[in-house]
């Protein structure tokens, strides 16, 4: 079985429905952001027109004041020009305030748009969890769950064995502990495959002594203190299987090596 192979499919109808709902919300948020940006652009254009109008009104006021001094314009006409300038300035001030509101709306719409995008991304991630795939290449050893069974977080569904690289649990007598070292080569033999030798490496030595496991046949051996070892073995042909009894041989090195 290759890595990525589909092992199981969880009922994903609820997750797909949630994704569809959030995708709709994402489209609405994107449209709201577009509209808000359009309003801001329109408000900026309005302010530009307001500035031009105020500049024109100020020019008219200066001319009216000059004509009033020269006696070519009435006081009432000059006052009307001043009122028009004041009104134009007020319109510009109002539209500047509206621009600030429009800019705030754009920021809020952008934040909402980002939030909906993140929610859709989370929905897709959650939906992906409904498909159970093999995390590594291996052999399907045990199926713990049946079709239709409820499976909560942390519940095992399948057990995969990586038979390309297996490891062996072995035990070493206490008196031999000083004659082995990590990384040392090991030879492994199995009763079921006569004449074949696998090459391994001593990968772990327990720091604590223990009594020989009860699976050892004689009581004399069971009461002997031993150290647990782990020997990593390459197993490309998958001849070694989980639970298979084997015998491992380590070279006896001089003490202290």
Protein backbone atom coordinates (compact mmCIF):
# COMPACT_ATOMS: atom_id res chain seq x y z
CA UNK A 1 0.00 0.00 0.00
CA UNK A 2 1.41 3.36 -1.07
CA UNK A 3 1.37 6.52 1.03
CA UNK A 4 -1.77 8.50 0.30
CA UNK A 5 -3.94 5.47 -0.46
CA UNK A 6 -7.55 6.07 0.62
CA UNK A 7 -8.41 3.82 3.56
CA UNK A 8 -11.80 5.11 4.65
CA UNK A 9 -14.34 7.86 3.98
CA UNK A 10 -16.26 9.54 6.79
CA UNK A 11 -19.79 10.85 6.09
CA UNK A 12 -18.99 14.37 4.92
CA UNK A 13 -22.44 15.77 4.09
CA UNK A 14 -22.49 18.17 7.05
CA UNK A 15 -18.98 19.42 6.27
CA UNK A 16 -19.80 19.94 2.59
CA UNK A 17 -22.94 21.87 3.53
CA UNK A 18 -20.95 24.08 5.88
CA UNK A 19 -18.39 24.71 3.14
CA UNK A 20 -21.16 25.74 0.72
CA UNK A 21 -22.65 28.14 3.30
CA UNK A 22 -19.29 29.74 4.03
CA UNK A 23 -18.46 30.00 0.33
CA UNK A 24 -21.69 31.97 -0.14
CA UNK A 25 -20.70 34.23 2.74
CA UNK A 26 -17.28 34.63 1.12
CA UNK A 27 -18.88 35.80 -2.15
CA UNK A 28 -21.09 38.27 -0.27
CA UNK A 29 -18.09 39.63 1.65
CA UNK A 30 -16.10 40.00 -1.57
CA UNK A 31 -18.99 41.91 -3.14
CA UNK A 32 -19.32 44.13 -0.06
CA UNK A 33 -15.63 44.93 -0.27
CA UNK A 34 -15.99 45.77 -3.95
CA UNK A 35 -18.93 48.07 -3.24
CA UNK A 36 -17.10 49.75 -0.34
CA UNK A 37 -14.08 50.40 -2.51
CA UNK A 38 -16.36 51.83 -5.18
CA UNK A 39 -17.98 54.15 -2.64
CA UNK A 40 -14.56 55.32 -1.48
CA UNK A 41 -13.48 56.02 -5.05
CA UNK A 42 -16.71 57.95 -5.69
CA UNK A 43 -16.19 59.93 -2.50
CA UNK A 44 -12.64 60.80 -3.54
CA UNK A 45 -13.95 62.00 -6.89
CA UNK A 46 -16.60 64.08 -5.10
CA UNK A 47 -13.92 65.70 -2.95
CA UNK A 48 -11.98 66.57 -6.07
CA UNK A 49 -15.05 68.29 -7.50
CA UNK A 50 -15.63 70.02 -4.16
CA UNK A 51 -12.08 71.40 -4.17
CA UNK A 52 -12.50 72.72 -7.70
CA UNK A 53 -15.84 74.30 -6.80
CA UNK A 54 -14.37 75.91 -3.65
CA UNK A 55 -11.45 77.29 -5.65
CA UNK A 56 -13.90 78.76 -8.16
CA UNK A 57 -16.08 80.25 -5.42
CA UNK A 58 -13.03 81.88 -3.79
CA UNK A 59 -12.02 83.39 -7.13
CA UNK A 60 -15.58 84.71 -7.54
CA UNK A 61 -15.46 86.16 -4.04
CA UNK A 62 -12.18 87.95 -4.69
CA UNK A 63 -13.58 89.46 -7.90
CA UNK A 64 -16.79 90.43 -6.13
CA UNK A 65 -14.83 92.15 -3.34
CA UNK A 66 -12.74 94.01 -5.94
CA UNK A 67 -15.83 95.12 -7.84
CA UNK A 68 -17.51 96.15 -4.58
CA UNK A 69 -14.56 98.38 -3.72
CA UNK A 70 -14.64 99.80 -7.24
CA UNK A 71 -18.35 100.42 -6.92
CA UNK A 72 -19.16 98.06 -9.78
CA UNK A 73 -21.12 95.55 -7.61
CA UNK A 74 -23.73 95.89 -4.93
CA UNK A 75 -23.15 94.91 -1.33
CA UNK A 76 -25.85 92.24 -1.59
CA UNK A 77 -24.14 90.57 -4.60
CA UNK A 78 -20.83 90.54 -2.76
CA UNK A 79 -22.44 88.98 0.29
CA UNK A 80 -24.00 86.29 -1.91
CA UNK A 81 -20.56 85.45 -3.28
CA UNK A 82 -19.23 85.15 0.28
CA UNK A 83 -22.12 82.90 1.29
CA UNK A 84 -21.52 80.68 -1.74
CA UNK A 85 -17.86 80.32 -0.75
CA UNK A 86 -18.78 79.41 2.83
CA UNK A 87 -21.31 76.86 1.60
CA UNK A 88 -18.76 75.32 -0.77
CA UNK A 89 -16.22 75.00 2.06
CA UNK A 90 -18.87 73.33 4.25
CA UNK A 91 -19.68 70.85 1.47
CA UNK A 92 -15.98 70.00 1.13
CA UNK A 93 -15.68 69.47 4.90
CA UNK A 94 -18.75 67.22 4.91
CA UNK A 95 -17.50 65.13 2.01
CA UNK A 96 -14.11 64.72 3.66
CA UNK A 97 -15.89 63.30 6.70
CA UNK A 98 -17.87 60.98 4.43
CA UNK A 99 -14.60 59.86 2.84
CA UNK A 100 -13.25 58.89 6.27
CA UNK A 101 -16.40 56.86 6.87
CA UNK A 102 -16.01 55.22 3.45
CA UNK A 103 -12.37 54.38 4.22
CA UNK A 104 -13.43 52.80 7.53
CA UNK A 105 -16.05 50.79 5.67
CA UNK A 106 -13.40 49.53 3.26
CA UNK A 107 -11.20 48.41 6.16
CA UNK A 108 -14.11 46.65 7.84
CA UNK A 109 -15.17 45.01 4.58
CA UNK A 110 -11.58 43.89 3.92
CA UNK A 111 -11.35 42.36 7.41
CA UNK A 112 -14.67 40.57 6.90
CA UNK A 113 -13.54 39.35 3.48
CA UNK A 114 -10.34 37.97 4.98
CA UNK A 115 -12.26 36.29 7.80
CA UNK A 116 -14.61 34.56 5.37
CA UNK A 117 -11.68 33.41 3.24
CA UNK A 118 -9.98 31.96 6.32
CA UNK A 119 -13.23 30.23 7.30
CA UNK A 120 -13.54 28.64 3.86
CA UNK A 121 -9.91 27.50 4.06
CA UNK A 122 -10.63 25.94 7.46
CA UNK A 123 -13.74 24.25 6.05
CA UNK A 124 -11.69 22.74 3.23
CA UNK A 125 -9.10 21.52 5.71
CA UNK A 126 -11.81 19.96 7.89
CA UNK A 127 -13.43 18.39 4.84
CA UNK A 128 -10.07 16.89 3.92
CA UNK A 129 -10.00 15.13 7.28
CA UNK A 130 -13.09 13.14 6.28
CA UNK A 131 -10.95 11.14 3.88
CA UNK A 132 -8.59 8.85 5.76
CA UNK A 133 -5.40 8.22 3.80
CA UNK A 134 -2.38 6.10 4.57
CA UNK A 135 0.25 8.44 6.08
CA UNK A 136 3.09 6.15 5.02
CA UNK A 137 3.61 3.18 2.75
CA UNK A 138 2.94 -0.08 4.54
CA UNK A 139 0.73 -3.11 5.00
CA UNK A 140 -2.75 -2.97 6.50
CA UNK A 141 -2.47 -5.08 9.63
CA UNK A 142 -5.61 -4.44 11.68
CA UNK A 143 -8.96 -2.75 11.08
CA UNK A 144 -10.28 -1.57 14.42
CA UNK A 145 -13.51 0.06 13.17
CA UNK A 146 -16.38 -1.27 11.08
CA UNK A 147 -18.46 0.52 8.46
CA UNK A 148 -21.07 2.75 10.10
CA UNK A 149 -19.31 2.80 13.45
CA UNK A 150 -18.84 6.11 15.27
CA UNK A 151 -15.23 7.18 15.65
CA UNK A 152 -14.30 10.02 17.99
CA UNK A 153 -11.02 11.94 18.15
CA UNK A 154 -8.04 9.74 18.88
CA UNK A 155 -9.85 6.50 18.04
CA UNK A 156 -7.74 4.08 16.00
CA UNK A 157 -9.31 3.04 12.70
CA UNK A 158 -6.52 1.06 11.09
CA UNK A 159 -3.09 -0.17 12.03
CA UNK A 160 -0.45 0.04 9.32
CA UNK A 161 2.81 -1.85 9.55
CA UNK A 162 5.91 -0.52 7.84
CA UNK A 163 7.38 -3.88 6.85
CA UNK A 164 10.22 -2.32 4.88
CA UNK A 165 11.86 -1.31 8.15
CA UNK A 166 11.05 -3.51 11.13
CA UNK A 167 12.53 -3.58 14.60
CA UNK A 168 13.16 -6.41 17.00
CA UNK A 169 12.77 -6.40 20.77
CA UNK A 170 15.56 -8.48 22.29
CA UNK A 171 17.08 -8.92 25.75
CA UNK A 172 20.72 -8.92 26.82
CA UNK A 173 22.08 -10.46 30.00
CA UNK A 174 23.41 -7.97 32.50
CA UNK A 175 26.90 -9.45 32.42
CA UNK A 176 27.11 -8.85 28.64
CA UNK A 177 26.06 -5.21 28.75
CA UNK A 178 29.62 -3.88 28.61
CA UNK A 179 30.39 -5.82 25.43
CA UNK A 180 27.91 -4.13 23.05
CA UNK A 181 27.45 -0.55 21.84
CA UNK A 182 24.86 1.43 19.90
CA UNK A 183 25.15 1.19 16.14
CA UNK A 184 26.75 -2.23 16.30
CA UNK A 185 25.86 -4.60 13.45
CA UNK A 186 23.54 -7.50 14.21
CA UNK A 187 22.56 -10.67 12.42
CA UNK A 188 18.96 -11.79 12.60
CA UNK A 189 17.62 -15.27 11.83
CA UNK A 190 14.08 -16.66 11.86
CA UNK A 191 13.02 -20.27 12.26
CA UNK A 192 10.44 -19.91 9.53
CA UNK A 193 12.97 -18.78 6.90
CA UNK A 194 15.85 -21.22 7.20
CA UNK A 195 19.24 -20.19 5.90
CA UNK A 196 18.43 -16.50 5.51
CA UNK A 197 20.24 -13.82 7.52
CA UNK A 198 19.02 -10.25 7.86
CA UNK A 199 21.37 -7.42 8.69
CA UNK A 200 20.41 -5.06 11.45
CA UNK A 201 21.76 -2.39 13.77
CA UNK A 202 21.55 -1.98 17.53
CA UNK A 203 19.46 1.18 17.91
CA UNK A 204 18.52 1.24 21.60
CA UNK A 205 19.64 -0.15 24.94
CA UNK A 206 17.33 0.33 27.90
CA UNK A 207 18.92 2.33 30.74
CA UNK A 208 17.16 0.15 33.33
CA UNK A 209 17.49 -3.54 34.06
CA UNK A 210 14.41 -5.76 34.28
CA UNK A 211 13.58 -9.37 34.86
CA UNK A 212 13.41 -11.60 31.82
CA UNK A 213 9.83 -11.58 30.45
CA UNK A 214 7.52 -14.43 31.42
CA UNK A 215 7.50 -15.65 27.83
CA UNK A 216 10.95 -17.13 28.49
CA UNK A 217 10.43 -20.81 29.25
CA UNK A 218 12.65 -21.59 32.28
CA UNK A 219 12.29 -20.00 35.71
CA UNK A 220 16.07 -19.75 36.03
CA UNK A 221 16.13 -17.44 33.02
CA UNK A 222 13.06 -15.50 34.12
CA UNK A 223 14.70 -14.31 37.31
CA UNK A 224 17.82 -13.15 35.49
CA UNK A 225 18.27 -9.39 35.12
CA UNK A 226 18.40 -8.31 31.49
CA UNK A 227 18.43 -5.11 29.44
CA UNK A 228 15.92 -4.55 26.69
CA UNK A 229 17.36 -3.89 23.21
CA UNK A 230 15.94 -2.60 19.99
CA UNK A 231 17.48 -3.79 16.74
CA UNK A 232 16.45 -2.07 13.49
CA UNK A 233 16.35 -4.36 10.47
CA UNK A 234 15.80 -3.69 6.77
CA UNK A 235 13.12 -6.01 5.45
CA UNK A 236 12.56 -5.17 1.75
CA UNK A 237 11.06 -8.57 0.89
CA UNK A 238 8.67 -8.44 3.89
CA UNK A 239 9.85 -11.86 5.07
CA UNK A 240 9.81 -10.72 8.71
CA UNK A 241 6.30 -10.20 10.05
CA UNK A 242 5.02 -8.65 13.30
CA UNK A 243 5.16 -11.09 16.21
CA UNK A 244 7.48 -13.52 14.47
CA UNK A 245 10.07 -15.05 16.87
CA UNK A 246 13.63 -14.43 15.74
CA UNK A 247 17.14 -14.75 17.07
CA UNK A 248 19.57 -11.85 16.98
CA UNK A 249 23.34 -12.17 17.24
CA UNK A 250 25.68 -9.35 18.27
CA UNK A 251 29.45 -9.53 18.16
CA UNK A 252 30.95 -9.65 21.65
CA UNK A 253 33.28 -6.67 21.86
CA UNK A 254 35.99 -6.15 24.47
CA UNK A 255 34.59 -4.47 27.58
CA UNK A 256 34.73 -0.67 27.45
CA UNK A 257 34.65 -0.43 23.65
